[in-house]
C-alpha atoms as a PDB file:
ATOM      1  CA  MET A   1     139.392 142.886 128.766  1.00  0.00           C
ATOM      2  CA  ILE A   2     138.870 139.413 130.443  1.00  0.00           C
ATOM      3  CA  VAL A   3     135.717 137.085 129.437  1.00  0.00           C
ATOM      4  CA  GLN A   4     134.533 134.288 131.563  1.00  0.00           C
ATOM      5  CA  MET A   5     133.998 131.294 129.782  1.00  0.00           C
ATOM      6  CA  ARG A   6     131.689 128.649 130.828  1.00  0.00           C
ATOM      7  CA  GLY A   7     133.480 125.827 132.718  1.00  0.00           C
ATOM      8  CA  SER A   8     136.998 127.320 132.505  1.00  0.00           C
ATOM      9  CA  VAL A   9     139.132 130.007 133.758  1.00  0.00           C
ATOM     10  CA  GLN A  10     138.977 133.605 132.694  1.00  0.00           C
ATOM     11  CA  VAL A  11     140.289 134.186 128.987  1.00  0.00           C
ATOM     12  CA  PRO A  12     141.537 137.326 127.528  1.00  0.00           C
ATOM     13  CA  LEU A  13     139.151 138.732 124.968  1.00  0.00           C
ATOM     14  CA  LEU A  14     141.892 138.623 122.330  1.00  0.00           C
ATOM     15  CA  ALA A  15     142.324 135.074 122.966  1.00  0.00           C
ATOM     16  CA  LEU A  16     138.621 134.437 122.742  1.00  0.00           C
ATOM     17  CA  SER A  17     138.344 136.307 119.367  1.00  0.00           C
ATOM     18  CA  VAL A  18     141.302 134.101 117.984  1.00  0.00           C
ATOM     19  CA  LEU A  19     140.401 130.840 119.059  1.00  0.00           C
ATOM     20  CA  LEU A  20     136.867 131.086 117.818  1.00  0.00           C
ATOM     21  CA  ALA A  21     137.882 131.932 114.240  1.00  0.00           C
ATOM     22  CA  PRO A  22     137.604 131.714 111.539  1.00  0.00           C
ATOM     23  CA  ASN A  23     134.645 129.315 110.973  1.00  0.00           C
ATOM     24  CA  ALA A  24     133.540 128.836 114.649  1.00  0.00           C
ATOM     25  CA  PHE A  25     129.939 129.153 115.426  1.00  0.00           C
ATOM     26  CA  ALA A  26     128.707 129.719 111.860  1.00  0.00           C
ATOM     27  CA  GLU A  27     127.006 126.976 110.132  1.00  0.00           C
ATOM     28  CA  PRO A  28     127.795 123.980 111.797  1.00  0.00           C
ATOM     29  CA  PRO A  29     130.440 121.915 109.688  1.00  0.00           C
ATOM     30  CA  ARG A  30     129.554 118.814 107.991  1.00  0.00           C
ATOM     31  CA  THR A  31     132.961 117.409 108.843  1.00  0.00           C
ATOM     32  CA  LEU A  32     135.284 117.701 111.706  1.00  0.00           C
ATOM     33  CA  ILE A  33     138.572 116.858 112.966  1.00  0.00           C
ATOM     34  CA  THR A  34     139.358 116.541 116.598  1.00  0.00           C
ATOM     35  CA  VAL A  35     142.809 116.197 118.247  1.00  0.00           C
ATOM     36  CA  VAL A  36     142.799 115.924 121.976  1.00  0.00           C
ATOM     37  CA  THR A  37     145.737 115.852 123.971  1.00  0.00           C
ATOM     38  CA  ALA A  38     146.227 114.698 127.766  1.00  0.00           C
ATOM     39  CA  ASP A  39     146.961 118.269 128.932  1.00  0.00           C
ATOM     40  CA  TRP A  40     148.458 121.587 128.038  1.00  0.00           C
ATOM     41  CA  LYS A  41     151.935 120.318 128.089  1.00  0.00           C
ATOM     42  CA  ALA A  42     151.503 116.792 126.300  1.00  0.00           C
ATOM     43  CA  THR A  43     153.377 116.315 122.998  1.00  0.00           C
ATOM     44  CA  THR A  44     151.025 113.294 121.938  1.00  0.00           C
ATOM     45  CA  GLY A  45     147.372 113.133 121.107  1.00  0.00           C
ATOM     46  CA  GLU A  46     144.892 111.442 119.183  1.00  0.00           C
ATOM     47  CA  LEU A  47     142.847 112.427 116.270  1.00  0.00           C
ATOM     48  CA  ARG A  48     139.499 111.443 115.018  1.00  0.00           C
ATOM     49  CA  ARG A  49     137.544 112.253 112.004  1.00  0.00           C
ATOM     50  CA  TRP A  50     133.831 113.062 112.330  1.00  0.00           C
ATOM     51  CA  GLU A  51     130.794 113.483 110.132  1.00  0.00           C
ATOM     52  CA  ARG A  52     127.399 115.268 110.757  1.00  0.00           C
ATOM     53  CA  ASP A  53     124.453 112.824 110.996  1.00  0.00           C
ATOM     54  CA  GLY A  54     121.552 114.890 111.331  1.00  0.00           C
ATOM     55  CA  LYS A  55     122.033 116.587 114.753  1.00  0.00           C
ATOM     56  CA  SER A  56     124.641 114.300 115.979  1.00  0.00           C
ATOM     57  CA  TRP A  57     128.423 113.189 114.879  1.00  0.00           C
ATOM     58  CA  ARG A  58     129.299 109.752 113.433  1.00  0.00           C
ATOM     59  CA  ALA A  59     133.087 108.757 114.008  1.00  0.00           C
ATOM     60  CA  VAL A  60     134.679 107.825 110.646  1.00  0.00           C
ATOM     61  CA  GLY A  61     137.447 105.484 111.131  1.00  0.00           C
ATOM     62  CA  ALA A  62     139.780 104.551 114.112  1.00  0.00           C
ATOM     63  CA  ALA A  63     141.406 107.039 116.152  1.00  0.00           C
ATOM     64  CA  LEU A  64     144.774 107.977 114.739  1.00  0.00           C
ATOM     65  CA  PRO A  65     147.836 108.796 117.006  1.00  0.00           C
ATOM     66  CA  VAL A  66     149.542 112.217 116.537  1.00  0.00           C
ATOM     67  CA  VAL A  67     152.276 114.468 117.960  1.00  0.00           C
ATOM     68  CA  VAL A  68     152.039 118.023 118.423  1.00  0.00           C
ATOM     69  CA  GLY A  69     154.418 121.035 119.195  1.00  0.00           C
ATOM     70  CA  ARG A  70     157.458 120.287 121.829  1.00  0.00           C
ATOM     71  CA  SER A  71     155.754 122.898 124.047  1.00  0.00           C
ATOM     72  CA  GLY A  72     152.388 121.279 124.096  1.00  0.00           C
ATOM     73  CA  LEU A  73     149.342 123.519 123.108  1.00  0.00           C
ATOM     74  CA  LYS A  74     148.795 127.345 123.731  1.00  0.00           C
ATOM     75  CA  TRP A  75     145.758 129.308 122.894  1.00  0.00           C
ATOM     76  CA  PRO A  76     146.492 131.317 119.665  1.00  0.00           C
ATOM     77  CA  ALA A  77     146.948 134.733 121.664  1.00  0.00           C
ATOM     78  CA  ASP A  78     149.530 133.521 123.896  1.00  0.00           C
ATOM     79  CA  LYS A  79     151.404 131.834 120.865  1.00  0.00           C
ATOM     80  CA  ARG A  80     154.546 133.582 119.547  1.00  0.00           C
ATOM     81  CA  GLU A  81     156.691 132.691 116.615  1.00  0.00           C
ATOM     82  CA  GLY A  82     159.270 129.820 117.315  1.00  0.00           C
ATOM     83  CA  ASP A  83     157.722 128.971 120.799  1.00  0.00           C
ATOM     84  CA  GLY A  84     157.297 125.365 119.932  1.00  0.00           C
ATOM     85  CA  ALA A  85     153.767 125.286 120.671  1.00  0.00           C
ATOM     86  CA  SER A  86     150.664 123.919 118.428  1.00  0.00           C
ATOM     87  CA  PRO A  87     147.587 126.406 118.648  1.00  0.00           C
ATOM     88  CA  ALA A  88     144.742 125.237 120.497  1.00  0.00           C
ATOM     89  CA  GLY A  89     141.274 126.301 119.396  1.00  0.00           C
ATOM     90  CA  ARG A  90     139.028 125.844 116.487  1.00  0.00           C
ATOM     91  CA  PHE A  91     140.443 126.367 112.764  1.00  0.00           C
ATOM     92  CA  ALA A  92     139.478 126.346 109.222  1.00  0.00           C
ATOM     93  CA  LEU A  93     141.943 124.375 106.859  1.00  0.00           C
ATOM     94  CA  GLY A  94     143.519 125.778 103.952  1.00  0.00           C
ATOM     95  CA  GLU A  95     145.296 124.345 100.898  1.00  0.00           C
ATOM     96  CA  ALA A  96     147.279 121.184 100.792  1.00  0.00           C
ATOM     97  CA  THR A  97     150.823 120.679  99.476  1.00  0.00           C
ATOM     98  CA  GLY A  98     152.663 117.802  98.295  1.00  0.00           C
ATOM     99  CA  TYR A  99     155.846 116.497  96.728  1.00  0.00           C
ATOM    100  CA  ASP A 100     154.004 115.242  93.543  1.00  0.00           C
ATOM    101  CA  ALA A 101     150.308 115.130  92.127  1.00  0.00           C
ATOM    102  CA  ALA A 102     147.233 115.225  94.599  1.00  0.00           C
ATOM    103  CA  PRO A 103     146.483 111.446  95.826  1.00  0.00           C
ATOM    104  CA  PRO A 104     143.245 110.424  94.638  1.00  0.00           C
ATOM    105  CA  HIS A 105     139.978 112.040  95.910  1.00  0.00           C
ATOM    106  CA  THR A 106     141.682 114.822  97.338  1.00  0.00           C
ATOM    107  CA  ARG A 107     139.315 117.885  97.389  1.00  0.00           C
ATOM    108  CA  LEU A 108     141.103 120.669  99.180  1.00  0.00           C
ATOM    109  CA  PRO A 109     143.012 122.938  97.053  1.00  0.00           C
ATOM    110  CA  TYR A 110     146.356 121.441  96.268  1.00  0.00           C
ATOM    111  CA  ARG A 111     149.798 122.574  94.941  1.00  0.00           C
ATOM    112  CA  VAL A 112     152.983 120.668  93.984  1.00  0.00           C
ATOM    113  CA  ALA A 113     155.659 121.815  96.006  1.00  0.00           C
ATOM    114  CA  THR A 114     158.769 123.255  94.335  1.00  0.00           C
ATOM    115  CA  ALA A 115     162.145 124.258  95.223  1.00  0.00           C
ATOM    116  CA  ALA A 116     160.819 127.907  95.136  1.00  0.00           C
ATOM    117  CA  LEU A 117     157.808 127.248  97.058  1.00  0.00           C
ATOM    118  CA  ARG A 118     157.930 128.563 100.839  1.00  0.00           C
ATOM    119  CA  CYS A 119     156.051 129.160 103.859  1.00  0.00           C
ATOM    120  CA  VAL A 120     157.209 132.584 104.951  1.00  0.00           C
ATOM    121  CA  ASP A 121     157.938 132.855 108.780  1.00  0.00           C
ATOM    122  CA  ASP A 122     159.827 135.952 108.736  1.00  0.00           C
ATOM    123  CA  ALA A 123     157.210 138.467 110.609  1.00  0.00           C
ATOM    124  CA  ARG A 124     158.677 141.324 108.828  1.00  0.00           C
ATOM    125  CA  SER A 125     157.597 140.036 105.307  1.00  0.00           C
ATOM    126  CA  PRO A 126     154.289 141.180 103.701  1.00  0.00           C
ATOM    127  CA  LEU A 127     153.893 137.346 102.809  1.00  0.00           C
ATOM    128  CA  TYR A 128     153.984 136.260 106.666  1.00  0.00           C
ATOM    129  CA  ASN A 129     152.198 133.273 107.296  1.00  0.00           C
ATOM    130  CA  ARG A 130     151.584 132.536 103.640  1.00  0.00           C
ATOM    131  CA  VAL A 131     152.725 129.606 101.504  1.00  0.00           C
ATOM    132  CA  ALA A 132     154.194 131.493  98.346  1.00  0.00           C
ATOM    133  CA  VAL A 133     156.883 131.595  96.077  1.00  0.00           C
ATOM    134  CA  ALA A 134     159.509 133.550  98.021  1.00  0.00           C
ATOM    135  CA  GLU A 135     163.368 133.872  98.639  1.00  0.00           C
ATOM    136  CA  THR A 136     162.959 133.067 102.557  1.00  0.00           C
ATOM    137  CA  GLY A 137     160.945 130.762 104.627  1.00  0.00           C
ATOM    138  CA  GLU A 138     160.440 127.118 105.535  1.00  0.00           C
ATOM    139  CA  ARG A 139     161.024 125.152 102.019  1.00  0.00           C
ATOM    140  CA  MET A 140     157.825 123.059 101.372  1.00  0.00           C
ATOM    141  CA  LEU A 141     160.009 120.605  99.108  1.00  0.00           C
ATOM    142  CA  ARG A 142     162.113 119.101 101.703  1.00  0.00           C
ATOM    143  CA  ASP A 143     164.977 116.839 101.881  1.00  0.00           C
ATOM    144  CA  ASP A 144     162.953 114.501 103.960  1.00  0.00           C
ATOM    145  CA  ALA A 145     159.381 113.086 104.089  1.00  0.00           C
ATOM    146  CA  LEU A 146     157.854 115.387 106.815  1.00  0.00           C
ATOM    147  CA  TYR A 147     156.223 117.619 104.125  1.00  0.00           C
ATOM    148  CA  ARG A 148     155.648 114.570 101.615  1.00  0.00           C
ATOM    149  CA  TYR A 149     152.114 116.037 102.183  1.00  0.00           C
ATOM    150  CA  THR A 150     150.705 118.964 104.223  1.00  0.00           C
ATOM    151  CA  ILE A 151     147.472 120.853 104.920  1.00  0.00           C
ATOM    152  CA  PHE A 152     147.723 124.275 106.080  1.00  0.00           C
ATOM    153  CA  VAL A 153     146.002 125.243 109.256  1.00  0.00           C
ATOM    154  CA  ARG A 154     144.342 128.691 109.350  1.00  0.00           C
ATOM    155  CA  HIS A 155     146.003 129.587 112.556  1.00  0.00           C
ATOM    156  CA  ASN A 156     146.676 133.646 112.884  1.00  0.00           C
ATOM    157  CA  ASP A 157     144.514 134.201 109.743  1.00  0.00           C
ATOM    158  CA  ALA A 158     145.001 137.866 110.179  1.00  0.00           C
ATOM    159  CA  ARG A 159     148.654 137.393 109.906  1.00  0.00           C
ATOM    160  CA  THR A 160     149.681 139.510 112.842  1.00  0.00           C
ATOM    161  CA  PRO A 161     153.322 139.601 112.956  1.00  0.00           C
ATOM    162  CA  GLY A 162     155.127 137.407 115.443  1.00  0.00           C
ATOM    163  CA  MET A 163     151.751 135.536 116.714  1.00  0.00           C
ATOM    164  CA  GLY A 164     152.833 132.259 114.771  1.00  0.00           C
ATOM    165  CA  SER A 165     152.892 131.147 111.420  1.00  0.00           C
ATOM    166  CA  CYS A 166     153.211 128.108 109.009  1.00  0.00           C
ATOM    167  CA  ILE A 167     151.003 125.512 111.155  1.00  0.00           C
ATOM    168  CA  PHE A 168     150.411 122.269 109.186  1.00  0.00           C
ATOM    169  CA  LEU A 169     149.145 118.819 109.504  1.00  0.00           C
ATOM    170  CA  HIS A 170     152.021 117.073 108.098  1.00  0.00           C
ATOM    171  CA  VAL A 171     153.955 113.509 108.329  1.00  0.00           C
ATOM    172  CA  TRP A 172     155.914 112.646 111.405  1.00  0.00           C
ATOM    173  CA  SER A 173     159.420 111.825 111.934  1.00  0.00           C
ATOM    174  CA  ASP A 174     158.040 109.117 114.507  1.00  0.00           C
ATOM    175  CA  ALA A 175     155.191 108.582 116.925  1.00  0.00           C
ATOM    176  CA  ARG A 176     157.637 109.914 119.829  1.00  0.00           C
ATOM    177  CA  SER A 177     158.883 113.173 118.412  1.00  0.00           C
ATOM    178  CA  PRO A 178     157.036 116.442 118.688  1.00  0.00           C
ATOM    179  CA  THR A 179     156.951 119.009 116.146  1.00  0.00           C
ATOM    180  CA  VAL A 180     158.195 122.539 116.430  1.00  0.00           C
ATOM    181  CA  GLY A 181     154.353 123.603 116.300  1.00  0.00           C
ATOM    182  CA  CYS A 182     152.582 121.339 114.003  1.00  0.00           C
ATOM    183  CA  THR A 183     150.391 118.322 114.069  1.00  0.00           C
ATOM    184  CA  ALA A 184     152.061 115.526 112.648  1.00  0.00           C
ATOM    185  CA  MET A 185     150.987 111.830 111.999  1.00  0.00           C
ATOM    186  CA  ALA A 186     151.855 108.641 109.899  1.00  0.00           C
ATOM    187  CA  LEU A 187     151.797 109.164 106.184  1.00  0.00           C
ATOM    188  CA  ASP A 188     148.869 106.818 105.428  1.00  0.00           C
ATOM    189  CA  ASP A 189     146.793 108.413 108.169  1.00  0.00           C
ATOM    190  CA  LEU A 190     147.447 111.904 106.361  1.00  0.00           C
ATOM    191  CA  ARG A 191     146.627 110.290 103.012  1.00  0.00           C
ATOM    192  CA  ALA A 192     143.183 109.187 104.305  1.00  0.00           C
ATOM    193  CA  ILE A 193     142.431 112.865 105.764  1.00  0.00           C
ATOM    194  CA  LEU A 194     143.484 114.066 102.102  1.00  0.00           C
ATOM    195  CA  ALA A 195     140.756 111.942 100.625  1.00  0.00           C
ATOM    196  CA  TRP A 196     138.195 112.725 103.043  1.00  0.00           C
ATOM    197  CA  ALA A 197     138.443 116.685 104.205  1.00  0.00           C
ATOM    198  CA  ASP A 198     137.303 119.689 102.027  1.00  0.00           C
ATOM    199  CA  SER A 199     137.373 123.207 102.490  1.00  0.00           C
ATOM    200  CA  SER A 200     134.494 123.083 104.974  1.00  0.00           C
ATOM    201  CA  THR A 201     136.370 120.665 107.349  1.00  0.00           C
ATOM    202  CA  GLU A 202     136.936 122.263 110.740  1.00  0.00           C
ATOM    203  CA  LEU A 203     139.758 121.299 113.107  1.00  0.00           C
ATOM    204  CA  VAL A 204     139.448 121.403 116.733  1.00  0.00           C
ATOM    205  CA  GLN A 205     142.470 121.028 118.772  1.00  0.00           C
ATOM    206  CA  LEU A 206     142.434 121.022 122.517  1.00  0.00           C
ATOM    207  CA  PRO A 207     143.688 119.528 125.885  1.00  0.00           C
ATOM    208  CA  ARG A 208     141.023 116.993 127.137  1.00  0.00           C
ATOM    209  CA  ASP A 209     139.764 119.258 130.001  1.00  0.00           C
ATOM    210  CA  GLU A 210     139.393 122.158 127.711  1.00  0.00           C
ATOM    211  CA  TYR A 211     137.645 119.966 125.029  1.00  0.00           C
ATOM    212  CA  ASP A 212     135.169 118.498 127.875  1.00  0.00           C
ATOM    213  CA  ALA A 213     134.262 122.105 129.116  1.00  0.00           C
ATOM    214  CA  ARG A 214     133.505 123.424 125.714  1.00  0.00           C
ATOM    215  CA  GLN A 215     131.851 120.241 124.142  1.00  0.00           C
ATOM    216  CA  ARG A 216     128.284 121.168 124.380  1.00  0.00           C
ATOM    217  CA  ASP A 217     128.663 125.078 123.610  1.00  0.00           C
ATOM    218  CA  TRP A 218     130.752 124.467 120.623  1.00  0.00           C
ATOM    219  CA  GLY A 219     128.536 121.643 119.415  1.00  0.00           C
ATOM    220  CA  LEU A 220     131.278 119.050 119.497  1.00  0.00           C
ATOM    221  CA  PRO A 221     131.093 115.109 119.442  1.00  0.00           C
ATOM    222  CA  GLN A 222     131.558 113.320 122.806  1.00  0.00           C
ATOM    223  CA  ARG A 223     134.838 111.735 123.238  1.00  0.00           C
ATOM    224  CA  LYS A 224     135.039 108.135 122.897  1.00  0.00           C
END
C-alpha cells in the first residue's frame, strides 16, 4: 500500500510506519537532536541539539559536523544489512556504552564495554540488533577509539531480520571519512551529547529537503 505524504513523493506504508517509530507523534519530546544532510547521497551533515521552550524550540550550543553512512541516508524500509546507509527518520535513543566509566552527568543507561560485549548483526540470531554478551557480532570494545563512547539508535526496533542493525552515534575517524551506517562525530562533541541527552531525547535524521517538507507536521525546529 502507498501513502501520499505532505510535500513529498509517495511513500510505501511500511516505510511510513517505520520512519515514524518509535516515539514520533506521541508526547512532544523535551529534547531533540537533528541531523540534516545536503541530500540523500551526502555523507556529511550538521547536528544540532534543541530544547523545548514553551511551544517553540531553543538551540543548545553550536552546530556540530558529523559524518553518516558511505551510501548516504535511506528510509528504514529501504535499508538492508550491510548497505552502508544511515537510516532516515525519527528515532528514540537506547543505551550508551564506553570503554570506561560513564562521563559526568550521563543520564542515558550506560554499560562499560567488555571483550564479550557485542552488537549482534547476524540476522539469524535471536539477539539480532541487540547489544549483548555474545560470541559473534561487532565488538563494542574495539582496538581503536571509534566506540570510545556510543549511543544506540533505535532503528529497526522490531529487529526484523536483514533490515539493518547496530546503528550508533559514535566517534568518527575524521571529518571526511563516512561510516558503514552510523552517525559519527568528534569525541568532545559526543561527550557533550552524553552529558545532555536522556531516554526521552529523540533523533531526527533527514536530508535537507525532506526535513523542510516535514518540519511543520513533525513539529520540528526551523533550520538555521
